C-alpha atoms as a PDB file:
ATOM      1  CA  UNK A   1       0.000   0.000   0.000  1.00  0.00           C
ATOM      2  CA  UNK A   2       1.175   3.473  -0.797  1.00  0.00           C
ATOM      3  CA  UNK A   3       0.787   4.956   2.680  1.00  0.00           C
ATOM      4  CA  UNK A   4       2.214   2.005   4.635  1.00  0.00           C
ATOM      5  CA  UNK A   5       4.999   3.178   6.943  1.00  0.00           C
ATOM      6  CA  UNK A   6       6.836   2.351  10.163  1.00  0.00           C
ATOM      7  CA  UNK A   7       6.684  -1.375   9.453  1.00  0.00           C
ATOM      8  CA  UNK A   8       7.733  -3.731  12.246  1.00  0.00           C
ATOM      9  CA  UNK A   9       8.409  -7.328  11.208  1.00  0.00           C
ATOM     10  CA  UNK A  10       8.171 -10.021  13.897  1.00  0.00           C
ATOM     11  CA  UNK A  11       9.678 -12.907  11.908  1.00  0.00           C
ATOM     12  CA  UNK A  12      12.764 -13.148  14.158  1.00  0.00           C
ATOM     13  CA  UNK A  13      10.552 -13.431  17.209  1.00  0.00           C
ATOM     14  CA  UNK A  14       8.507 -16.138  15.456  1.00  0.00           C
ATOM     15  CA  UNK A  15      11.682 -18.080  14.688  1.00  0.00           C
ATOM     16  CA  UNK A  16      12.737 -17.849  18.322  1.00  0.00           C
ATOM     17  CA  UNK A  17       9.374 -19.212  19.509  1.00  0.00           C
ATOM     18  CA  UNK A  18       9.551 -22.098  17.040  1.00  0.00           C
ATOM     19  CA  UNK A  19      13.136 -22.844  18.087  1.00  0.00           C
ATOM     20  CA  UNK A  20      12.043 -22.949  21.747  1.00  0.00           C
ATOM     21  CA  UNK A  21       9.196 -25.290  20.823  1.00  0.00           C
ATOM     22  CA  UNK A  22      11.428 -27.662  18.876  1.00  0.00           C
ATOM     23  CA  UNK A  23      13.961 -27.691  21.707  1.00  0.00           C
ATOM     24  CA  UNK A  24      11.226 -28.731  24.138  1.00  0.00           C
ATOM     25  CA  UNK A  25      11.527 -25.648  26.355  1.00  0.00           C
ATOM     26  CA  UNK A  26       7.992 -24.548  25.408  1.00  0.00           C
ATOM     27  CA  UNK A  27       4.965 -26.778  25.045  1.00  0.00           C
ATOM     28  CA  UNK A  28       2.570 -26.907  22.104  1.00  0.00           C
ATOM     29  CA  UNK A  29      -0.280 -25.730  24.329  1.00  0.00           C
ATOM     30  CA  UNK A  30       1.692 -22.577  25.117  1.00  0.00           C
ATOM     31  CA  UNK A  31       1.925 -21.508  21.482  1.00  0.00           C
ATOM     32  CA  UNK A  32      -1.323 -22.964  20.106  1.00  0.00           C
ATOM     33  CA  UNK A  33      -3.746 -20.883  22.121  1.00  0.00           C
ATOM     34  CA  UNK A  34      -5.881 -18.895  19.643  1.00  0.00           C
ATOM     35  CA  UNK A  35      -9.004 -17.511  21.276  1.00  0.00           C
ATOM     36  CA  UNK A  36     -12.443 -18.220  19.787  1.00  0.00           C
ATOM     37  CA  UNK A  37     -12.678 -14.532  18.797  1.00  0.00           C
ATOM     38  CA  UNK A  38      -9.421 -14.717  16.856  1.00  0.00           C
ATOM     39  CA  UNK A  39     -10.508 -17.917  15.121  1.00  0.00           C
ATOM     40  CA  UNK A  40     -13.848 -16.354  14.139  1.00  0.00           C
ATOM     41  CA  UNK A  41     -12.053 -13.261  12.843  1.00  0.00           C
ATOM     42  CA  UNK A  42      -9.812 -15.554  10.774  1.00  0.00           C
ATOM     43  CA  UNK A  43     -12.826 -17.381   9.340  1.00  0.00           C
ATOM     44  CA  UNK A  44     -14.867 -14.320   8.423  1.00  0.00           C
ATOM     45  CA  UNK A  45     -12.318 -11.524   7.864  1.00  0.00           C
ATOM     46  CA  UNK A  46      -9.048 -13.373   7.285  1.00  0.00           C
ATOM     47  CA  UNK A  47      -6.973 -13.604   4.149  1.00  0.00           C
ATOM     48  CA  UNK A  48      -5.955 -17.195   3.318  1.00  0.00           C
ATOM     49  CA  UNK A  49      -2.299 -17.807   2.440  1.00  0.00           C
ATOM     50  CA  UNK A  50      -0.350 -20.582   0.719  1.00  0.00           C
ATOM     51  CA  UNK A  51       1.949 -21.044   3.727  1.00  0.00           C
ATOM     52  CA  UNK A  52       1.538 -24.166   5.845  1.00  0.00           C
ATOM     53  CA  UNK A  53       1.242 -23.988   9.618  1.00  0.00           C
ATOM     54  CA  UNK A  54       4.677 -24.479  11.216  1.00  0.00           C
ATOM     55  CA  UNK A  55       3.158 -26.611  13.998  1.00  0.00           C
ATOM     56  CA  UNK A  56       0.624 -29.032  12.485  1.00  0.00           C
ATOM     57  CA  UNK A  57       1.751 -28.684   8.842  1.00  0.00           C
ATOM     58  CA  UNK A  58      -1.716 -29.776   7.679  1.00  0.00           C
ATOM     59  CA  UNK A  59      -3.558 -26.441   7.386  1.00  0.00           C
ATOM     60  CA  UNK A  60      -2.716 -23.228   5.559  1.00  0.00           C
ATOM     61  CA  UNK A  61      -2.285 -20.080   7.631  1.00  0.00           C
ATOM     62  CA  UNK A  62      -4.804 -17.238   7.577  1.00  0.00           C
ATOM     63  CA  UNK A  63      -3.821 -13.582   8.087  1.00  0.00           C
ATOM     64  CA  UNK A  64      -6.072 -11.365  10.205  1.00  0.00           C
ATOM     65  CA  UNK A  65      -5.666  -7.556  10.086  1.00  0.00           C
ATOM     66  CA  UNK A  66      -6.697  -5.680  13.244  1.00  0.00           C
ATOM     67  CA  UNK A  67      -6.956  -1.886  13.174  1.00  0.00           C
ATOM     68  CA  UNK A  68      -6.446   0.614  15.998  1.00  0.00           C
ATOM     69  CA  UNK A  69      -6.499   4.412  16.025  1.00  0.00           C
ATOM     70  CA  UNK A  70      -8.001   7.471  17.682  1.00  0.00           C
ATOM     71  CA  UNK A  71     -10.228   8.346  14.726  1.00  0.00           C
ATOM     72  CA  UNK A  72     -11.739   4.858  14.604  1.00  0.00           C
ATOM     73  CA  UNK A  73     -13.641   5.280  17.886  1.00  0.00           C
ATOM     74  CA  UNK A  74     -15.922   2.219  18.263  1.00  0.00           C
ATOM     75  CA  UNK A  75     -14.303   0.471  15.281  1.00  0.00           C
ATOM     76  CA  UNK A  76     -10.923   0.277  17.001  1.00  0.00           C
ATOM     77  CA  UNK A  77      -9.817  -3.288  17.602  1.00  0.00           C
ATOM     78  CA  UNK A  78     -11.919  -4.749  14.814  1.00  0.00           C
ATOM     79  CA  UNK A  79     -10.646  -7.190  12.222  1.00  0.00           C
ATOM     80  CA  UNK A  80     -10.830  -5.916   8.649  1.00  0.00           C
ATOM     81  CA  UNK A  81     -10.257  -7.524   5.285  1.00  0.00           C
ATOM     82  CA  UNK A  82      -7.250  -6.529   3.233  1.00  0.00           C
ATOM     83  CA  UNK A  83      -9.494  -4.868   0.638  1.00  0.00           C
ATOM     84  CA  UNK A  84     -10.975  -2.506   3.257  1.00  0.00           C
ATOM     85  CA  UNK A  85      -7.619  -1.122   4.375  1.00  0.00           C
ATOM     86  CA  UNK A  86      -6.868   1.145   1.351  1.00  0.00           C
ATOM     87  CA  UNK A  87     -10.324   2.741   1.645  1.00  0.00           C
ATOM     88  CA  UNK A  88      -9.754   3.429   5.333  1.00  0.00           C
ATOM     89  CA  UNK A  89      -6.236   4.703   4.581  1.00  0.00           C
ATOM     90  CA  UNK A  90      -7.654   7.365   2.268  1.00  0.00           C
ATOM     91  CA  UNK A  91     -10.373   8.478   4.709  1.00  0.00           C
ATOM     92  CA  UNK A  92      -8.494   8.500   8.023  1.00  0.00           C
ATOM     93  CA  UNK A  93      -5.394  10.452   8.999  1.00  0.00           C
ATOM     94  CA  UNK A  94      -3.592   7.629  10.749  1.00  0.00           C
ATOM     95  CA  UNK A  95      -4.279   4.207  12.201  1.00  0.00           C
ATOM     96  CA  UNK A  96      -2.260   1.167  13.156  1.00  0.00           C
ATOM     97  CA  UNK A  97      -2.613  -2.283  11.602  1.00  0.00           C
ATOM     98  CA  UNK A  98      -1.591  -5.473  13.386  1.00  0.00           C
ATOM     99  CA  UNK A  99      -1.322  -8.607  11.226  1.00  0.00           C
ATOM    100  CA  UNK A 100      -1.757 -11.942  13.019  1.00  0.00           C
ATOM    101  CA  UNK A 101      -1.306 -15.346  11.407  1.00  0.00           C
ATOM    102  CA  UNK A 102      -3.703 -18.051  12.587  1.00  0.00           C
ATOM    103  CA  UNK A 103      -3.999 -21.790  11.975  1.00  0.00           C
ATOM    104  CA  UNK A 104      -7.614 -22.882  12.224  1.00  0.00           C
ATOM    105  CA  UNK A 105      -6.508 -26.489  12.695  1.00  0.00           C
ATOM    106  CA  UNK A 106      -4.186 -26.397  15.699  1.00  0.00           C
ATOM    107  CA  UNK A 107      -4.850 -22.826  17.006  1.00  0.00           C
ATOM    108  CA  UNK A 108      -1.305 -21.553  16.317  1.00  0.00           C
ATOM    109  CA  UNK A 109      -1.244 -17.741  16.223  1.00  0.00           C
ATOM    110  CA  UNK A 110       1.527 -15.210  16.088  1.00  0.00           C
ATOM    111  CA  UNK A 111       1.864 -11.488  15.434  1.00  0.00           C
ATOM    112  CA  UNK A 112       3.502 -11.193  11.999  1.00  0.00           C
ATOM    113  CA  UNK A 113       3.850  -7.455  11.479  1.00  0.00           C
ATOM    114  CA  UNK A 114       2.602  -4.038  12.479  1.00  0.00           C
ATOM    115  CA  UNK A 115       2.444  -0.828  10.443  1.00  0.00           C
ATOM    116  CA  UNK A 116       0.786   2.575  10.120  1.00  0.00           C
ATOM    117  CA  UNK A 117      -1.645   3.583   7.408  1.00  0.00           C
ATOM    118  CA  UNK A 118      -3.495   6.804   6.654  1.00  0.00           C
ATOM    119  CA  UNK A 119      -3.533  10.061   4.748  1.00  0.00           C
ATOM    120  CA  UNK A 120      -0.615  11.447   6.773  1.00  0.00           C
ATOM    121  CA  UNK A 121       1.656   9.110   4.820  1.00  0.00           C
ATOM    122  CA  UNK A 122       0.766  10.840   1.548  1.00  0.00           C
ATOM    123  CA  UNK A 123       2.325  14.161   2.566  1.00  0.00           C
ATOM    124  CA  UNK A 124       5.449  12.528   3.951  1.00  0.00           C
ATOM    125  CA  UNK A 125       4.902  14.294   7.255  1.00  0.00           C
ATOM    126  CA  UNK A 126       2.931  12.525   9.968  1.00  0.00           C
ATOM    127  CA  UNK A 127       2.950  15.193  12.671  1.00  0.00           C
ATOM    128  CA  UNK A 128       0.929  17.805  10.770  1.00  0.00           C
ATOM    129  CA  UNK A 129       3.698  20.422  10.516  1.00  0.00           C
ATOM    130  CA  UNK A 130       2.783  21.136   6.875  1.00  0.00           C
ATOM    131  CA  UNK A 131      -0.694  22.167   7.976  1.00  0.00           C
ATOM    132  CA  UNK A 132       0.791  24.184  10.845  1.00  0.00           C
ATOM    133  CA  UNK A 133       3.226  26.004   8.548  1.00  0.00           C
ATOM    134  CA  UNK A 134       0.427  26.850   6.100  1.00  0.00           C
ATOM    135  CA  UNK A 135      -1.707  28.192   8.948  1.00  0.00           C
ATOM    136  CA  UNK A 136       1.243  30.208  10.303  1.00  0.00           C
ATOM    137  CA  UNK A 137       1.962  31.682   6.852  1.00  0.00           C
ATOM    138  CA  UNK A 138      -1.671  32.681   6.435  1.00  0.00           C
ATOM    139  CA  UNK A 139      -1.599  34.273   9.893  1.00  0.00           C
ATOM    140  CA  UNK A 140       1.586  36.187   9.059  1.00  0.00           C
ATOM    141  CA  UNK A 141       0.028  37.444   5.822  1.00  0.00           C
ATOM    142  CA  UNK A 142      -3.016  38.649   7.722  1.00  0.00           C
ATOM    143  CA  UNK A 143      -0.818  40.471  10.260  1.00  0.00           C
ATOM    144  CA  UNK A 144       1.140  42.122   7.410  1.00  0.00           C
ATOM    145  CA  UNK A 145      -2.046  43.368   5.790  1.00  0.00           C
ATOM    146  CA  UNK A 146      -3.292  44.731   9.121  1.00  0.00           C
ATOM    147  CA  UNK A 147       0.022  46.538   9.713  1.00  0.00           C
ATOM    148  CA  UNK A 148      -0.147  48.169   6.264  1.00  0.00           C
ATOM    149  CA  UNK A 149      -3.561  49.718   7.006  1.00  0.00           C
END
């Protein structure tokens, strides 16, 4: 997506969890603990992938995209499909997306990545200083005109 920024990839953390599991330091029940809400979100809002589950190796993984942000109000924390994200990115200033992979067979789940979306990414400036500088310039022009009178 064009406005995707501040991407955090959790693949190293996933590898560490799988290494701990294979070494026997962590049990399968510790890592295969998807809640019923997460599994329902994967069924109804998830994006299927071609990647096999690293635990059971019998099911393909499903990606679930959760959105959070101040402008979302009651919609914060909801799962959204991948096709809904660009529409939201063009209507909202900024919101965070968390991508979770889920196996519907064995309940494996892991946070895959996190990133920001929104209109602020189009200007290249996420703190609104462009808008502030425009407002300050307009204010300075108004003060100049008042001083000339």
